Protein backbone atom coordinates (compact mmCIF):
# COMPACT_ATOMS: atom_id res chain seq x y z
CA UNK A 1 0.00 0.00 0.00
CA UNK A 2 1.35 3.42 -0.94
CA UNK A 3 2.16 5.70 1.96
CA UNK A 4 3.44 9.25 1.54
CA UNK A 5 5.13 9.06 4.95
CA UNK A 6 6.95 5.82 4.04
CA UNK A 7 8.02 7.22 0.66
CA UNK A 8 9.50 10.31 2.34
CA UNK A 9 11.24 8.17 5.00
CA UNK A 10 12.72 5.80 2.43
CA UNK A 11 13.76 8.69 0.18
CA UNK A 12 15.55 10.51 3.01
CA UNK A 13 17.33 7.38 4.22
CA UNK A 14 18.53 6.56 0.69
CA UNK A 15 19.47 10.20 0.06
CA UNK A 16 21.73 10.23 3.11
CA UNK A 17 23.31 6.84 2.30
CA UNK A 18 23.87 7.55 -1.40
CA UNK A 19 25.13 11.08 -0.60
CA UNK A 20 25.37 12.20 -4.23
CA UNK A 21 26.18 15.76 -3.13
CA UNK A 22 29.14 14.45 -1.15
CA UNK A 23 30.25 12.53 -4.23
CA UNK A 24 30.60 15.65 -6.38
CA UNK A 25 34.43 15.70 -6.02
CA UNK A 26 34.58 12.05 -7.13
CA UNK A 27 32.31 12.83 -10.09
CA UNK A 28 34.51 15.78 -11.10
CA UNK A 29 37.62 13.61 -10.71
CA UNK A 30 36.12 10.87 -12.90
CA UNK A 31 35.09 13.46 -15.46
CA UNK A 32 38.70 14.70 -15.64
CA UNK A 33 39.95 11.13 -16.20
CA UNK A 34 37.38 10.12 -18.80
CA UNK A 35 36.54 13.48 -20.36
CA UNK A 36 32.80 13.00 -19.79
CA UNK A 37 30.18 11.48 -17.53
CA UNK A 38 27.28 9.66 -19.13
CA UNK A 39 24.54 10.84 -16.75
CA UNK A 40 21.81 8.72 -18.31
CA UNK A 41 23.88 5.53 -18.37
CA UNK A 42 25.14 5.98 -14.80
CA UNK A 43 21.67 6.76 -13.45
CA UNK A 44 20.07 3.86 -15.32
CA UNK A 45 22.78 1.41 -14.22
CA UNK A 46 22.52 2.52 -10.58
CA UNK A 47 18.72 2.25 -10.76
CA UNK A 48 18.84 -1.25 -12.21
CA UNK A 49 21.34 -2.35 -9.56
CA UNK A 50 19.17 -0.95 -6.75
CA UNK A 51 15.90 -2.43 -8.06
CA UNK A 52 17.46 -5.84 -8.72
CA UNK A 53 18.96 -5.81 -5.24
CA UNK A 54 15.59 -4.82 -3.76
CA UNK A 55 13.91 -7.75 -5.48
CA UNK A 56 16.67 -10.37 -5.40
CA UNK A 57 19.38 -9.13 -3.02
CA UNK A 58 19.24 -11.90 -0.44
CA UNK A 59 18.98 -14.56 -3.14
CA UNK A 60 21.96 -13.15 -5.06
CA UNK A 61 24.15 -13.04 -1.95
CA UNK A 62 23.09 -16.56 -0.89
CA UNK A 63 23.74 -17.87 -4.42
CA UNK A 64 27.39 -16.92 -3.99
CA UNK A 65 27.50 -18.01 -0.36
CA UNK A 66 27.86 -14.42 0.84
CA UNK A 67 26.30 -12.45 3.62
CA UNK A 68 25.53 -8.72 3.72
CA UNK A 69 28.53 -8.03 6.00
CA UNK A 70 31.02 -9.57 3.53
CA UNK A 71 29.44 -7.61 0.72
CA UNK A 72 29.68 -4.39 2.73
CA UNK A 73 33.37 -5.02 3.50
CA UNK A 74 34.14 -5.57 -0.20
CA UNK A 75 32.37 -2.30 -1.04
CA UNK A 76 34.30 -0.58 1.75
CA UNK A 77 37.59 -1.64 0.17
CA UNK A 78 36.60 -0.18 -3.22
CA UNK A 79 35.50 3.08 -1.57
CA UNK A 80 38.79 3.10 0.40
CA UNK A 81 40.85 2.93 -2.80
CA UNK A 82 38.75 5.70 -4.38
CA UNK A 83 39.46 7.85 -1.32
CA UNK A 84 43.19 7.10 -1.56
CA UNK A 85 43.15 8.16 -5.21
CA UNK A 86 41.55 11.47 -4.30
CA UNK A 87 43.84 12.25 -1.37
CA UNK A 88 47.18 10.96 -2.64
CA UNK A 89 46.77 11.29 -6.40
CA UNK A 90 47.65 7.60 -6.86
CA UNK A 91 45.61 5.96 -9.62
CA UNK A 92 44.21 2.51 -8.91
CA UNK A 93 41.51 2.75 -11.57
CA UNK A 94 43.44 3.08 -14.81
CA UNK A 95 42.41 5.54 -17.52
CA UNK A 96 41.68 2.85 -20.15
CA UNK A 97 39.28 1.04 -17.87
CA UNK A 98 37.66 4.29 -16.75
CA UNK A 99 37.16 5.54 -20.30
CA UNK A 100 35.31 2.38 -21.24
CA UNK A 101 33.16 2.09 -18.14
CA UNK A 102 33.59 5.38 -16.25
CA UNK A 103 29.86 5.83 -15.82
CA UNK A 104 29.35 2.34 -14.44
CA UNK A 105 32.50 1.57 -12.43
CA UNK A 106 33.15 3.26 -10.03
CA UNK A 107 30.33 5.82 -10.44
CA UNK A 108 27.09 3.79 -10.66
CA UNK A 109 28.73 1.01 -8.66
CA UNK A 110 30.00 1.29 -5.93
CA UNK A 111 29.62 5.05 -5.45
CA UNK A 112 25.87 5.46 -6.05
CA UNK A 113 24.59 1.89 -5.72
CA UNK A 114 27.32 0.52 -3.50
CA UNK A 115 27.43 -1.81 -0.54
CA UNK A 116 25.97 0.80 1.81
CA UNK A 117 23.05 1.50 -0.50
CA UNK A 118 22.37 -2.18 -1.11
CA UNK A 119 22.50 -3.21 2.53
CA UNK A 120 20.25 -0.24 3.35
CA UNK A 121 17.76 -1.41 0.71
CA UNK A 122 17.76 -4.88 2.29
CA UNK A 123 17.11 -3.28 5.69
CA UNK A 124 14.33 -1.05 4.32
CA UNK A 125 12.61 -4.10 2.85
CA UNK A 126 12.04 -5.40 6.35
CA UNK A 127 10.26 -2.18 7.40
CA UNK A 128 8.53 -0.66 4.36
CA UNK A 129 6.33 -1.67 1.47
CA UNK A 130 8.20 -2.65 -1.69
CA UNK A 131 6.26 -0.08 -3.76
CA UNK A 132 7.21 2.73 -1.37
CA UNK A 133 10.87 1.69 -1.59
CA UNK A 134 10.67 1.65 -5.40
CA UNK A 135 9.24 5.18 -5.42
CA UNK A 136 11.95 6.30 -2.97
CA UNK A 137 14.61 4.83 -5.27
CA UNK A 138 13.04 6.59 -8.28
CA UNK A 139 13.01 9.97 -6.50
CA UNK A 140 16.67 9.57 -5.59
CA UNK A 141 17.54 8.60 -9.17
CA UNK A 142 15.93 11.80 -10.50
CA UNK A 143 18.05 13.87 -8.10
CA UNK A 144 21.20 11.87 -8.97
CA UNK A 145 20.59 12.46 -12.67
CA UNK A 146 20.35 16.23 -12.21
CA UNK A 147 23.51 16.34 -10.07
CA UNK A 148 25.42 14.31 -12.69
CA UNK A 149 24.14 16.58 -15.47
CA UNK A 150 25.19 19.68 -13.52
CA UNK A 151 28.70 18.39 -12.73
CA UNK A 152 30.35 20.61 -15.39
CA UNK A 153 28.53 23.68 -14.06
CA UNK A 154 29.49 22.78 -10.47
CA UNK A 155 33.11 22.28 -11.54
CA UNK A 156 33.20 25.72 -13.21
CA UNK A 157 31.76 27.37 -10.10
CA UNK A 158 34.34 25.71 -7.86
CA UNK A 159 37.36 26.47 -10.04
CA UNK A 160 40.53 24.37 -10.09
CA UNK A 161 41.72 25.30 -6.59
CA UNK A 162 38.26 24.78 -5.09
CA UNK A 163 37.87 21.43 -6.84
CA UNK A 164 41.31 20.30 -5.62
CA UNK A 165 40.55 21.23 -2.01
CA UNK A 166 37.11 19.64 -2.19
CA UNK A 167 38.56 16.47 -3.74
CA UNK A 168 41.10 16.09 -0.90
CA UNK A 169 38.53 16.80 1.83
CA UNK A 170 35.98 14.39 0.40
CA UNK A 171 38.73 11.85 -0.23
CA UNK A 172 39.37 11.81 3.50
CA UNK A 173 35.61 11.56 4.11
CA UNK A 174 35.42 8.58 1.70
CA UNK A 175 38.30 6.95 3.58
CA UNK A 176 36.43 7.48 6.85
CA UNK A 177 33.21 6.03 5.39
CA UNK A 178 35.16 3.01 4.15
CA UNK A 179 36.77 2.49 7.56
CA UNK A 180 33.36 2.80 9.28
CA UNK A 181 31.76 0.29 6.86
CA UNK A 182 34.68 -2.07 7.41
CA UNK A 183 34.67 -1.65 11.21
CA UNK A 184 30.90 -2.08 11.48
CA UNK A 185 30.80 -5.21 9.38
CA UNK A 186 34.02 -6.94 10.46
CA UNK A 187 32.48 -7.63 13.87
CA UNK A 188 29.47 -9.29 12.25
CA UNK A 189 31.57 -11.92 10.45
């Protein structure tokens, strides 16, 4: 049954976990590496990942003999390496790979629809109606699309120095998020 209150709750929870505004430095960094961000492709891929995980998440993890904690730790490691790239300028994701799939890896997955988002979706499923979660995902995808589309404008407003500072600061934040995800889930194993 559709509930406006549930839709708002789900949307706000996903908005805070996805944190697309906090990912702006990563988006700008990826854009510099690849020359472009395919907003439509990234949004669609993230949406498909989230919906499939909503519908089949537990089954997919069990098929591979995984639990949500192991999945979250793997996502934490990817986010950790992204943070290291931003802070230290070391490149783990090579330019050739990024130019072929820059909108999917690491943007759509794991940045937008990563381990945190997927485990949150599994948790939301226990509390809220599936339709309300789907609408919450759709609302977040609309916002994500507009942020991705506006990344060039945001980059121009920040300037090179502003973008560099923001990239370093959010790199440290990504490292902290990765450590928290790792710390939270290592005890569960």
